[in-house]
Amino acid sequence: MNTDTKDNRSVRRALLTGGALLAGAAATGAGYVLTHSDQPIAMDDFSDLPRAMRTLERLRTAPLRTRSGWDLAQVLHHSAQSVEYSLDGFPQLKPAWFRSSLGSMAFAVFSARGRMSHGLEEPIPGAPAIASGQPLDAAVEHLMSALGRFERHGNALAPHFAYGVLSKSEYTRAHLMHLANHWELVDAG
């Protein structure tokens, strides 16, 4: 019985040590992917900021709608919040250990595949609720203004609530992938 217990402890210890090494390797690899990804963003309308702005501008003459979840104005205001918080600071941050490990690894994976995946009706933690039924023109203007402000911004950016510290190019990529992810539920009006 003592031998079985010792063997079980040895196996458990080996698994824990191996898991820690694997997590460390994954984090190192994620850092490499994060800084060396040139995978294009999966949706061409959001492959760069000028294209994103043209996509948003088209909403003024050819409004679209969402198939489910938030209405399009809510999506645009939510996206504008995200951009503004990258400049001014998010209302709530995940713990530092999360941002420096799981959060940064999640962003690395998203960046490597050129596509984000997240809950499309999840508000930003601590952000005020966004009412449905708002005018689309005001929502378009809000997001375009936020993106313009982001584009002109030359100072340090606030840490992302989940991904942690991002460079300007990484944040640009995060914002574009975020918009593209929400656009998966957008259809012609």
N, C-alpha and C. Protein backbone atom coordinates (compact mmCIF):
# COMPACT_ATOMS: atom_id res chain seq x y z
N MET A 1 0.83 -1.21 0.00
CA MET A 1 0.00 0.00 0.00
C MET A 1 0.87 1.25 0.00
N ASN A 2 1.92 1.27 0.79
CA ASN A 2 2.82 2.42 0.80
C ASN A 2 3.47 2.63 -0.55
N THR A 3 3.79 1.52 -1.25
CA THR A 3 4.41 1.63 -2.57
C THR A 3 3.45 2.29 -3.55
N ASP A 4 2.17 1.87 -3.52
CA ASP A 4 1.18 2.47 -4.40
C ASP A 4 1.04 3.96 -4.13
N THR A 5 1.01 4.32 -2.86
CA THR A 5 0.88 5.73 -2.50
C THR A 5 2.08 6.52 -2.98
N LYS A 6 3.29 5.98 -2.79
CA LYS A 6 4.50 6.64 -3.27
C LYS A 6 4.48 6.76 -4.78
N ASP A 7 4.09 5.69 -5.47
CA ASP A 7 4.02 5.72 -6.92
C ASP A 7 3.00 6.76 -7.40
N ASN A 8 1.86 6.80 -6.74
CA ASN A 8 0.83 7.78 -7.10
C ASN A 8 1.34 9.21 -6.92
N ARG A 9 2.06 9.43 -5.82
CA ARG A 9 2.63 10.76 -5.58
C ARG A 9 3.67 11.10 -6.64
N SER A 10 4.46 10.14 -7.02
CA SER A 10 5.48 10.37 -8.05
C SER A 10 4.84 10.72 -9.38
N VAL A 11 3.80 9.97 -9.72
CA VAL A 11 3.09 10.25 -10.98
C VAL A 11 2.46 11.64 -10.92
N ARG A 12 1.80 11.94 -9.80
CA ARG A 12 1.17 13.26 -9.64
C ARG A 12 2.20 14.37 -9.76
N ARG A 13 3.35 14.20 -9.09
CA ARG A 13 4.42 15.20 -9.12
C ARG A 13 4.94 15.37 -10.54
N ALA A 14 5.12 14.25 -11.26
CA ALA A 14 5.60 14.32 -12.63
C ALA A 14 4.60 15.04 -13.53
N LEU A 15 3.31 14.75 -13.34
CA LEU A 15 2.29 15.43 -14.12
C LEU A 15 2.26 16.92 -13.84
N LEU A 16 2.34 17.28 -12.57
CA LEU A 16 2.34 18.70 -12.21
C LEU A 16 3.56 19.41 -12.77
N THR A 17 4.72 18.79 -12.65
CA THR A 17 5.95 19.39 -13.16
C THR A 17 5.86 19.51 -14.68
N GLY A 18 5.42 18.43 -15.33
CA GLY A 18 5.27 18.47 -16.79
C GLY A 18 4.27 19.51 -17.23
N GLY A 19 3.17 19.63 -16.48
CA GLY A 19 2.16 20.63 -16.80
C GLY A 19 2.70 22.04 -16.67
N ALA A 20 3.51 22.26 -15.62
CA ALA A 20 4.11 23.58 -15.43
C ALA A 20 5.08 23.89 -16.57
N LEU A 21 5.87 22.89 -16.97
CA LEU A 21 6.80 23.10 -18.08
C LEU A 21 6.05 23.36 -19.38
N LEU A 22 4.97 22.61 -19.61
CA LEU A 22 4.17 22.80 -20.81
C LEU A 22 3.53 24.19 -20.82
N ALA A 23 3.02 24.62 -19.67
CA ALA A 23 2.42 25.96 -19.58
C ALA A 23 3.47 27.03 -19.86
N GLY A 24 4.67 26.84 -19.31
CA GLY A 24 5.75 27.80 -19.56
C GLY A 24 6.13 27.84 -21.03
N ALA A 25 6.21 26.67 -21.65
CA ALA A 25 6.53 26.61 -23.08
C ALA A 25 5.43 27.26 -23.90
N ALA A 26 4.19 27.01 -23.52
CA ALA A 26 3.07 27.61 -24.24
C ALA A 26 3.11 29.13 -24.12
N ALA A 27 3.40 29.62 -22.92
CA ALA A 27 3.48 31.07 -22.73
C ALA A 27 4.60 31.67 -23.56
N THR A 28 5.74 30.98 -23.60
CA THR A 28 6.85 31.46 -24.41
C THR A 28 6.47 31.45 -25.88
N GLY A 29 5.85 30.36 -26.32
CA GLY A 29 5.41 30.27 -27.71
C GLY A 29 4.37 31.31 -28.04
N ALA A 30 3.47 31.55 -27.10
CA ALA A 30 2.43 32.56 -27.32
C ALA A 30 3.07 33.93 -27.49
N GLY A 31 4.09 34.22 -26.72
CA GLY A 31 4.79 35.49 -26.87
C GLY A 31 5.42 35.61 -28.24
N TYR A 32 5.96 34.50 -28.75
CA TYR A 32 6.55 34.50 -30.08
C TYR A 32 5.48 34.74 -31.13
N VAL A 33 4.37 34.01 -31.02
CA VAL A 33 3.28 34.18 -31.99
C VAL A 33 2.74 35.60 -31.93
N LEU A 34 2.59 36.12 -30.72
CA LEU A 34 2.05 37.45 -30.52
C LEU A 34 2.87 38.51 -31.24
N THR A 35 4.18 38.39 -31.14
CA THR A 35 5.02 39.43 -31.71
C THR A 35 5.44 39.14 -33.15
N HIS A 36 5.19 37.92 -33.65
CA HIS A 36 5.64 37.57 -34.98
C HIS A 36 4.50 37.14 -35.91
N SER A 37 3.28 37.50 -35.59
CA SER A 37 2.15 37.08 -36.40
C SER A 37 1.94 38.06 -37.55
N ASP A 38 1.86 37.51 -38.75
CA ASP A 38 1.50 38.34 -39.90
C ASP A 38 0.28 37.77 -40.61
N GLN A 39 -0.46 36.93 -39.88
CA GLN A 39 -1.69 36.34 -40.40
C GLN A 39 -2.70 37.46 -40.64
N PRO A 40 -3.25 37.54 -41.85
CA PRO A 40 -4.24 38.60 -42.09
C PRO A 40 -5.50 38.38 -41.25
N ILE A 41 -6.20 39.46 -40.99
CA ILE A 41 -7.45 39.37 -40.25
C ILE A 41 -8.47 38.70 -41.16
N ALA A 42 -9.21 37.77 -40.59
CA ALA A 42 -10.07 36.87 -41.36
C ALA A 42 -11.13 37.58 -42.20
N MET A 43 -11.58 38.74 -41.79
CA MET A 43 -12.63 39.44 -42.53
C MET A 43 -12.04 40.67 -43.21
N ASP A 44 -12.09 40.69 -44.53
CA ASP A 44 -11.43 41.73 -45.31
C ASP A 44 -11.91 43.14 -44.97
N ASP A 45 -13.21 43.29 -44.62
CA ASP A 45 -13.74 44.62 -44.28
C ASP A 45 -13.02 45.23 -43.08
N PHE A 46 -12.34 44.42 -42.30
CA PHE A 46 -11.66 44.91 -41.10
C PHE A 46 -10.17 44.55 -41.11
N SER A 47 -9.58 44.47 -42.30
CA SER A 47 -8.18 44.09 -42.40
C SER A 47 -7.24 45.21 -41.99
N ASP A 48 -7.71 46.45 -42.00
CA ASP A 48 -6.93 47.59 -41.51
C ASP A 48 -7.90 48.71 -41.13
N LEU A 49 -7.38 49.73 -40.47
CA LEU A 49 -8.27 50.82 -40.01
C LEU A 49 -8.96 51.56 -41.15
N PRO A 50 -8.27 51.91 -42.24
CA PRO A 50 -8.99 52.61 -43.32
C PRO A 50 -10.15 51.79 -43.88
N ARG A 51 -9.97 50.48 -44.04
CA ARG A 51 -11.08 49.64 -44.54
C ARG A 51 -12.21 49.58 -43.51
N ALA A 52 -11.85 49.48 -42.26
CA ALA A 52 -12.88 49.46 -41.21
C ALA A 52 -13.69 50.76 -41.24
N MET A 53 -13.01 51.88 -41.41
CA MET A 53 -13.72 53.16 -41.46
C MET A 53 -14.63 53.22 -42.68
N ARG A 54 -14.19 52.71 -43.82
CA ARG A 54 -15.05 52.68 -45.02
C ARG A 54 -16.27 51.77 -44.79
N THR A 55 -16.05 50.65 -44.13
CA THR A 55 -17.16 49.73 -43.81
C THR A 55 -18.18 50.44 -42.95
N LEU A 56 -17.70 51.16 -41.94
CA LEU A 56 -18.61 51.89 -41.05
C LEU A 56 -19.31 53.03 -41.79
N GLU A 57 -18.59 53.73 -42.63
CA GLU A 57 -19.16 54.84 -43.39
C GLU A 57 -20.31 54.36 -44.28
N ARG A 58 -20.18 53.17 -44.85
CA ARG A 58 -21.24 52.62 -45.73
C ARG A 58 -22.54 52.41 -44.96
N LEU A 59 -22.47 52.25 -43.64
CA LEU A 59 -23.69 52.07 -42.85
C LEU A 59 -24.61 53.28 -42.93
N ARG A 60 -24.06 54.43 -43.24
CA ARG A 60 -24.87 55.65 -43.32
C ARG A 60 -25.84 55.58 -44.51
N THR A 61 -25.44 54.91 -45.59
CA THR A 61 -26.29 54.84 -46.79
C THR A 61 -26.90 53.45 -47.01
N ALA A 62 -26.28 52.44 -46.43
CA ALA A 62 -26.78 51.06 -46.59
C ALA A 62 -26.79 50.38 -45.22
N PRO A 63 -27.77 50.75 -44.38
CA PRO A 63 -27.80 50.19 -43.03
C PRO A 63 -27.94 48.67 -43.03
N LEU A 64 -27.33 48.05 -42.06
CA LEU A 64 -27.39 46.61 -41.87
C LEU A 64 -28.09 46.32 -40.56
N ARG A 65 -28.28 45.05 -40.27
CA ARG A 65 -28.88 44.66 -39.00
C ARG A 65 -28.16 43.42 -38.49
N THR A 66 -28.36 43.11 -37.23
CA THR A 66 -27.78 41.89 -36.67
C THR A 66 -28.82 40.77 -36.70
N ARG A 67 -28.35 39.55 -36.90
CA ARG A 67 -29.25 38.38 -36.94
C ARG A 67 -29.76 38.02 -35.56
N SER A 68 -28.94 38.22 -34.56
CA SER A 68 -29.34 37.89 -33.19
C SER A 68 -28.50 38.71 -32.22
N GLY A 69 -28.90 38.67 -30.96
CA GLY A 69 -28.14 39.40 -29.94
C GLY A 69 -28.41 40.89 -29.97
N TRP A 70 -27.39 41.65 -29.70
CA TRP A 70 -27.50 43.10 -29.67
C TRP A 70 -27.88 43.63 -31.05
N ASP A 71 -28.58 44.79 -31.04
CA ASP A 71 -28.82 45.44 -32.33
C ASP A 71 -27.51 46.12 -32.77
N LEU A 72 -27.47 46.57 -34.02
CA LEU A 72 -26.21 47.07 -34.59
C LEU A 72 -25.71 48.31 -33.85
N ALA A 73 -26.60 49.19 -33.43
CA ALA A 73 -26.16 50.38 -32.67
C ALA A 73 -25.49 49.96 -31.36
N GLN A 74 -26.03 48.96 -30.68
CA GLN A 74 -25.39 48.47 -29.45
C GLN A 74 -24.00 47.91 -29.74
N VAL A 75 -23.87 47.15 -30.82
CA VAL A 75 -22.57 46.59 -31.21
C VAL A 75 -21.56 47.70 -31.45
N LEU A 76 -21.98 48.74 -32.17
CA LEU A 76 -21.07 49.84 -32.48
C LEU A 76 -20.68 50.63 -31.23
N HIS A 77 -21.64 50.89 -30.35
CA HIS A 77 -21.31 51.59 -29.10
C HIS A 77 -20.39 50.73 -28.22
N HIS A 78 -20.64 49.44 -28.16
CA HIS A 78 -19.78 48.52 -27.41
C HIS A 78 -18.36 48.55 -27.98
N SER A 79 -18.24 48.52 -29.28
CA SER A 79 -16.92 48.56 -29.92
C SER A 79 -16.23 49.90 -29.65
N ALA A 80 -17.01 50.97 -29.67
CA ALA A 80 -16.44 52.29 -29.35
C ALA A 80 -15.95 52.33 -27.91
N GLN A 81 -16.72 51.74 -26.99
CA GLN A 81 -16.27 51.67 -25.59
C GLN A 81 -14.90 51.00 -25.51
N SER A 82 -14.74 49.89 -26.20
CA SER A 82 -13.49 49.15 -26.17
C SER A 82 -12.33 50.01 -26.65
N VAL A 83 -12.54 50.73 -27.74
CA VAL A 83 -11.50 51.61 -28.28
C VAL A 83 -11.19 52.72 -27.28
N GLU A 84 -12.22 53.35 -26.75
CA GLU A 84 -12.01 54.44 -25.78
C GLU A 84 -11.29 53.95 -24.53
N TYR A 85 -11.65 52.78 -24.04
CA TYR A 85 -11.00 52.24 -22.85
C TYR A 85 -9.53 51.91 -23.11
N SER A 86 -9.19 51.58 -24.36
CA SER A 86 -7.78 51.33 -24.66
C SER A 86 -6.97 52.61 -24.53
N LEU A 87 -7.63 53.74 -24.64
CA LEU A 87 -6.97 55.05 -24.50
C LEU A 87 -7.03 55.56 -23.06
N ASP A 88 -8.19 55.40 -22.42
CA ASP A 88 -8.45 56.03 -21.13
C ASP A 88 -8.36 55.09 -19.93
N GLY A 89 -8.34 53.79 -20.17
CA GLY A 89 -8.30 52.82 -19.09
C GLY A 89 -9.64 52.10 -18.96
N PHE A 90 -9.57 50.80 -18.78
CA PHE A 90 -10.77 49.99 -18.62
C PHE A 90 -11.30 50.13 -17.20
N PRO A 91 -12.63 50.08 -17.02
CA PRO A 91 -13.19 50.26 -15.68
C PRO A 91 -12.82 49.13 -14.72
N GLN A 92 -12.63 47.92 -15.22
CA GLN A 92 -12.22 46.79 -14.37
C GLN A 92 -11.23 45.94 -15.15
N LEU A 93 -10.19 45.50 -14.45
CA LEU A 93 -9.18 44.64 -15.07
C LEU A 93 -9.25 43.25 -14.46
N LYS A 94 -8.96 42.24 -15.26
CA LYS A 94 -8.76 40.91 -14.72
C LYS A 94 -7.49 40.98 -13.88
N PRO A 95 -7.28 40.03 -12.96
CA PRO A 95 -6.06 40.06 -12.14
C PRO A 95 -4.80 40.04 -13.01
N ALA A 96 -3.73 40.61 -12.49
CA ALA A 96 -2.47 40.71 -13.23
C ALA A 96 -1.98 39.33 -13.68
N TRP A 97 -2.12 38.33 -12.81
CA TRP A 97 -1.65 36.99 -13.20
C TRP A 97 -2.41 36.49 -14.42
N PHE A 98 -3.70 36.81 -14.52
CA PHE A 98 -4.51 36.39 -15.66
C PHE A 98 -4.06 37.11 -16.93
N ARG A 99 -3.91 38.44 -16.83
CA ARG A 99 -3.51 39.23 -18.00
C ARG A 99 -2.15 38.81 -18.53
N SER A 100 -1.23 38.45 -17.62
CA SER A 100 0.13 38.10 -18.05
C SER A 100 0.27 36.65 -18.48
N SER A 101 -0.77 35.86 -18.31
CA SER A 101 -0.66 34.45 -18.70
C SER A 101 -1.81 34.08 -19.65
N LEU A 102 -2.94 33.70 -19.11
CA LEU A 102 -4.06 33.24 -19.93
C LEU A 102 -4.56 34.30 -20.90
N GLY A 103 -4.66 35.53 -20.44
CA GLY A 103 -5.14 36.60 -21.31
C GLY A 103 -4.20 36.88 -22.47
N SER A 104 -2.90 36.98 -22.18
CA SER A 104 -1.95 37.24 -23.26
C SER A 104 -1.86 36.04 -24.21
N MET A 105 -2.01 34.83 -23.67
CA MET A 105 -2.01 33.65 -24.54
C MET A 105 -3.25 33.63 -25.43
N ALA A 106 -4.40 34.03 -24.90
CA ALA A 106 -5.62 34.08 -25.72
C ALA A 106 -5.43 35.07 -26.86
N PHE A 107 -4.89 36.23 -26.56
CA PHE A 107 -4.67 37.20 -27.63
C PHE A 107 -3.69 36.66 -28.67
N ALA A 108 -2.64 35.97 -28.22
CA ALA A 108 -1.67 35.39 -29.14
C ALA A 108 -2.33 34.39 -30.09
N VAL A 109 -3.22 33.58 -29.55
CA VAL A 109 -3.93 32.60 -30.38
C VAL A 109 -4.83 33.33 -31.38
N PHE A 110 -5.60 34.31 -30.90
CA PHE A 110 -6.48 35.07 -31.80
C PHE A 110 -5.65 35.72 -32.90
N SER A 111 -4.55 36.35 -32.50
CA SER A 111 -3.71 37.06 -33.45
C SER A 111 -3.11 36.11 -34.48
N ALA A 112 -2.69 34.94 -34.02
CA ALA A 112 -2.08 33.97 -34.93
C ALA A 112 -3.06 33.46 -35.97
N ARG A 113 -4.31 33.34 -35.59
CA ARG A 113 -5.29 32.84 -36.57
C ARG A 113 -6.02 33.98 -37.28
N GLY A 114 -5.77 35.23 -36.86
CA GLY A 114 -6.39 36.38 -37.52
C GLY A 114 -7.87 36.52 -37.25
N ARG A 115 -8.30 35.93 -36.15
CA ARG A 115 -9.73 35.89 -35.85
C ARG A 115 -9.95 35.76 -34.35
N MET A 116 -10.83 36.59 -33.82
CA MET A 116 -11.18 36.55 -32.41
C MET A 116 -12.49 35.79 -32.23
N SER A 117 -12.65 35.24 -31.06
CA SER A 117 -13.88 34.56 -30.72
C SER A 117 -14.22 34.90 -29.27
N HIS A 118 -15.35 35.54 -29.07
CA HIS A 118 -15.76 35.90 -27.70
C HIS A 118 -17.29 35.99 -27.64
N GLY A 119 -17.82 36.06 -26.44
CA GLY A 119 -19.26 36.20 -26.26
C GLY A 119 -19.74 37.50 -26.87
N LEU A 120 -20.62 37.42 -27.86
CA LEU A 120 -21.01 38.60 -28.61
C LEU A 120 -22.07 39.45 -27.93
N GLU A 121 -22.49 39.08 -26.73
CA GLU A 121 -23.39 39.91 -25.94
C GLU A 121 -22.82 40.16 -24.56
N GLU A 122 -21.53 39.95 -24.40
CA GLU A 122 -20.89 40.18 -23.11
C GLU A 122 -20.39 41.62 -23.04
N PRO A 123 -20.88 42.38 -22.08
CA PRO A 123 -20.38 43.75 -21.94
C PRO A 123 -18.94 43.74 -21.43
N ILE A 124 -18.27 44.82 -21.64
CA ILE A 124 -16.93 44.99 -21.08
C ILE A 124 -17.09 45.09 -19.57
N PRO A 125 -16.31 44.35 -18.80
CA PRO A 125 -16.47 44.38 -17.34
C PRO A 125 -16.42 45.82 -16.78
N GLY A 126 -17.47 46.16 -16.05
CA GLY A 126 -17.55 47.48 -15.42
C GLY A 126 -18.09 48.58 -16.32
N ALA A 127 -18.30 48.29 -17.60
CA ALA A 127 -18.80 49.32 -18.53
C ALA A 127 -20.30 49.51 -18.32
N PRO A 128 -20.78 50.74 -18.53
CA PRO A 128 -22.23 50.95 -18.41
C PRO A 128 -22.98 50.16 -19.49
N ALA A 129 -24.18 49.74 -19.15
CA ALA A 129 -25.02 49.02 -20.10
C ALA A 129 -25.35 49.93 -21.28
N ILE A 130 -25.53 49.31 -22.42
CA ILE A 130 -25.86 50.05 -23.64
C ILE A 130 -27.30 49.70 -24.02
N ALA A 131 -28.14 50.71 -24.07
CA ALA A 131 -29.55 50.49 -24.37
C ALA A 131 -29.75 50.11 -25.83
N SER A 132 -30.73 49.30 -26.08
CA SER A 132 -31.07 48.94 -27.46
C SER A 132 -31.92 50.04 -28.07
N GLY A 133 -32.05 49.99 -29.39
CA GLY A 133 -32.94 50.91 -30.08
C GLY A 133 -32.40 52.31 -30.28
N GLN A 134 -31.11 52.51 -30.12
CA GLN A 134 -30.52 53.84 -30.33
C GLN A 134 -30.36 54.10 -31.82
N PRO A 135 -30.28 55.37 -32.22
CA PRO A 135 -30.10 55.69 -33.65
C PRO A 135 -28.76 55.15 -34.18
N LEU A 136 -28.81 54.56 -35.36
CA LEU A 136 -27.61 53.98 -35.95
C LEU A 136 -26.58 55.04 -36.32
N ASP A 137 -27.03 56.19 -36.84
CA ASP A 137 -26.08 57.25 -37.23
C ASP A 137 -25.21 57.69 -36.05
N ALA A 138 -25.82 57.85 -34.89
CA ALA A 138 -25.06 58.28 -33.70
C ALA A 138 -24.05 57.20 -33.30
N ALA A 139 -24.43 55.93 -33.43
CA ALA A 139 -23.52 54.84 -33.09
C ALA A 139 -22.36 54.77 -34.06
N VAL A 140 -22.64 54.97 -35.35
CA VAL A 140 -21.57 54.99 -36.37
C VAL A 140 -20.61 56.12 -36.04
N GLU A 141 -21.15 57.30 -35.76
CA GLU A 141 -20.31 58.46 -35.44
C GLU A 141 -19.47 58.20 -34.20
N HIS A 142 -20.05 57.59 -33.18
CA HIS A 142 -19.35 57.30 -31.93
C HIS A 142 -18.13 56.40 -32.20
N LEU A 143 -18.34 55.33 -32.95
CA LEU A 143 -17.24 54.40 -33.23
C LEU A 143 -16.20 55.03 -34.14
N MET A 144 -16.62 55.75 -35.17
CA MET A 144 -15.66 56.38 -36.07
C MET A 144 -14.84 57.43 -35.34
N SER A 145 -15.47 58.15 -34.45
CA SER A 145 -14.75 59.14 -33.65
C SER A 145 -13.73 58.47 -32.73
N ALA A 146 -14.14 57.38 -32.10
CA ALA A 146 -13.23 56.65 -31.20
C ALA A 146 -12.05 56.09 -31.98
N LEU A 147 -12.30 55.52 -33.16
CA LEU A 147 -11.21 54.98 -33.98
C LEU A 147 -10.28 56.08 -34.47
N GLY A 148 -10.85 57.22 -34.84
CA GLY A 148 -10.02 58.36 -35.25
C GLY A 148 -9.14 58.84 -34.11
N ARG A 149 -9.70 58.93 -32.93
CA ARG A 149 -8.93 59.33 -31.75
C ARG A 149 -7.82 58.31 -31.47
N PHE A 150 -8.14 57.04 -31.58
CA PHE A 150 -7.15 55.98 -31.38
C PHE A 150 -6.02 56.10 -32.40
N GLU A 151 -6.38 56.32 -33.66
CA GLU A 151 -5.39 56.43 -34.72
C GLU A 151 -4.42 57.59 -34.49
N ARG A 152 -4.93 58.71 -33.96
CA ARG A 152 -4.10 59.89 -33.71
C ARG A 152 -3.30 59.80 -32.42
N HIS A 153 -3.66 58.88 -31.55
CA HIS A 153 -3.06 58.77 -30.22
C HIS A 153 -1.59 58.37 -30.32
N GLY A 154 -0.74 59.13 -29.66
CA GLY A 154 0.69 58.86 -29.71
C GLY A 154 1.30 58.47 -28.38
N ASN A 155 0.51 58.47 -27.33
CA ASN A 155 1.02 58.15 -25.99
C ASN A 155 0.80 56.68 -25.66
N ALA A 156 1.21 56.32 -24.46
CA ALA A 156 1.02 54.94 -24.00
C ALA A 156 -0.46 54.60 -23.96
N LEU A 157 -0.75 53.34 -24.19
CA LEU A 157 -2.13 52.86 -24.16
C LEU A 157 -2.39 52.14 -22.84
N ALA A 158 -3.63 52.12 -22.43
CA ALA A 158 -4.01 51.45 -21.18
C ALA A 158 -3.96 49.94 -21.38
N PRO A 159 -3.64 49.18 -20.35
CA PRO A 159 -3.67 47.72 -20.49
C PRO A 159 -5.09 47.25 -20.79
N HIS A 160 -5.17 46.26 -21.65
CA HIS A 160 -6.46 45.65 -21.95
C HIS A 160 -6.95 44.90 -20.72
N PHE A 161 -8.25 44.89 -20.49
CA PHE A 161 -8.77 44.28 -19.27
C PHE A 161 -8.43 42.79 -19.17
N ALA A 162 -8.26 42.10 -20.30
CA ALA A 162 -7.96 40.67 -20.27
C ALA A 162 -6.59 40.36 -20.86
N TYR A 163 -6.19 41.05 -21.94
CA TYR A 163 -4.95 40.73 -22.64
C TYR A 163 -3.72 41.37 -22.04
N GLY A 164 -3.90 42.37 -21.20
CA GLY A 164 -2.76 43.05 -20.60
C GLY A 164 -2.20 44.14 -21.50
N VAL A 165 -0.91 44.39 -21.37
CA VAL A 165 -0.24 45.46 -22.11
C VAL A 165 -0.13 45.05 -23.57
N LEU A 166 -0.60 45.94 -24.45
CA LEU A 166 -0.50 45.73 -25.89
C LEU A 166 0.14 46.95 -26.53
N SER A 167 0.92 46.72 -27.56
CA SER A 167 1.49 47.83 -28.33
C SER A 167 0.37 48.45 -29.17
N LYS A 168 0.67 49.56 -29.82
CA LYS A 168 -0.33 50.20 -30.68
C LYS A 168 -0.75 49.26 -31.81
N SER A 169 0.21 48.59 -32.44
CA SER A 169 -0.16 47.69 -33.54
C SER A 169 -0.95 46.48 -33.03
N GLU A 170 -0.62 45.98 -31.86
CA GLU A 170 -1.38 44.87 -31.28
C GLU A 170 -2.80 45.30 -30.93
N TYR A 171 -2.91 46.51 -30.36
CA TYR A 171 -4.25 47.02 -30.03
C TYR A 171 -5.07 47.24 -31.30
N THR A 172 -4.42 47.76 -32.33
CA THR A 172 -5.12 47.96 -33.61
C THR A 172 -5.68 46.63 -34.08
N ARG A 173 -4.84 45.62 -34.03
CA ARG A 173 -5.25 44.27 -34.45
C ARG A 173 -6.40 43.76 -33.57
N ALA A 174 -6.30 43.98 -32.26
CA ALA A 174 -7.35 43.54 -31.33
C ALA A 174 -8.67 44.23 -31.66
N HIS A 175 -8.64 45.54 -31.90
CA HIS A 175 -9.87 46.27 -32.22
C HIS A 175 -10.48 45.78 -33.54
N LEU A 176 -9.64 45.55 -34.54
CA LEU A 176 -10.15 45.09 -35.83
C LEU A 176 -10.72 43.68 -35.73
N MET A 177 -10.04 42.79 -35.02
CA MET A 177 -10.57 41.43 -34.84
C MET A 177 -11.87 41.45 -34.03
N HIS A 178 -11.95 42.37 -33.05
CA HIS A 178 -13.16 42.51 -32.24
C HIS A 178 -14.34 42.90 -33.12
N LEU A 179 -14.13 43.91 -33.97
CA LEU A 179 -15.19 44.33 -34.89
C LEU A 179 -15.58 43.20 -35.84
N ALA A 180 -14.58 42.54 -36.41
CA ALA A 180 -14.86 41.45 -37.34
C ALA A 180 -15.64 40.33 -36.66
N ASN A 181 -15.31 40.03 -35.41
CA ASN A 181 -16.03 38.99 -34.69
C ASN A 181 -17.51 39.37 -34.53
N HIS A 182 -17.78 40.61 -34.16
CA HIS A 182 -19.18 41.06 -34.04
C HIS A 182 -19.88 41.07 -35.40
N TRP A 183 -19.11 41.36 -36.47
CA TRP A 183 -19.70 41.45 -37.82
C TRP A 183 -20.17 40.09 -38.32
N GLU A 184 -19.76 39.02 -37.68
CA GLU A 184 -20.22 37.68 -38.07
C GLU A 184 -21.73 37.55 -37.94
N LEU A 185 -22.37 38.41 -37.11
CA LEU A 185 -23.83 38.36 -36.92
C LEU A 185 -24.55 39.50 -37.65
N VAL A 186 -23.84 40.19 -38.56
CA VAL A 186 -24.44 41.33 -39.26
C VAL A 186 -24.88 40.88 -40.65
N ASP A 187 -26.10 41.28 -41.00
CA ASP A 187 -26.68 40.96 -42.32
C ASP A 187 -27.21 42.25 -42.96
N ALA A 188 -27.53 42.14 -44.24
CA ALA A 188 -28.15 43.27 -44.95
C ALA A 188 -29.49 43.58 -44.30
N GLY A 189 -29.80 44.88 -44.21
CA GLY A 189 -31.04 45.33 -43.59
C GLY A 189 -32.18 45.08 -44.45
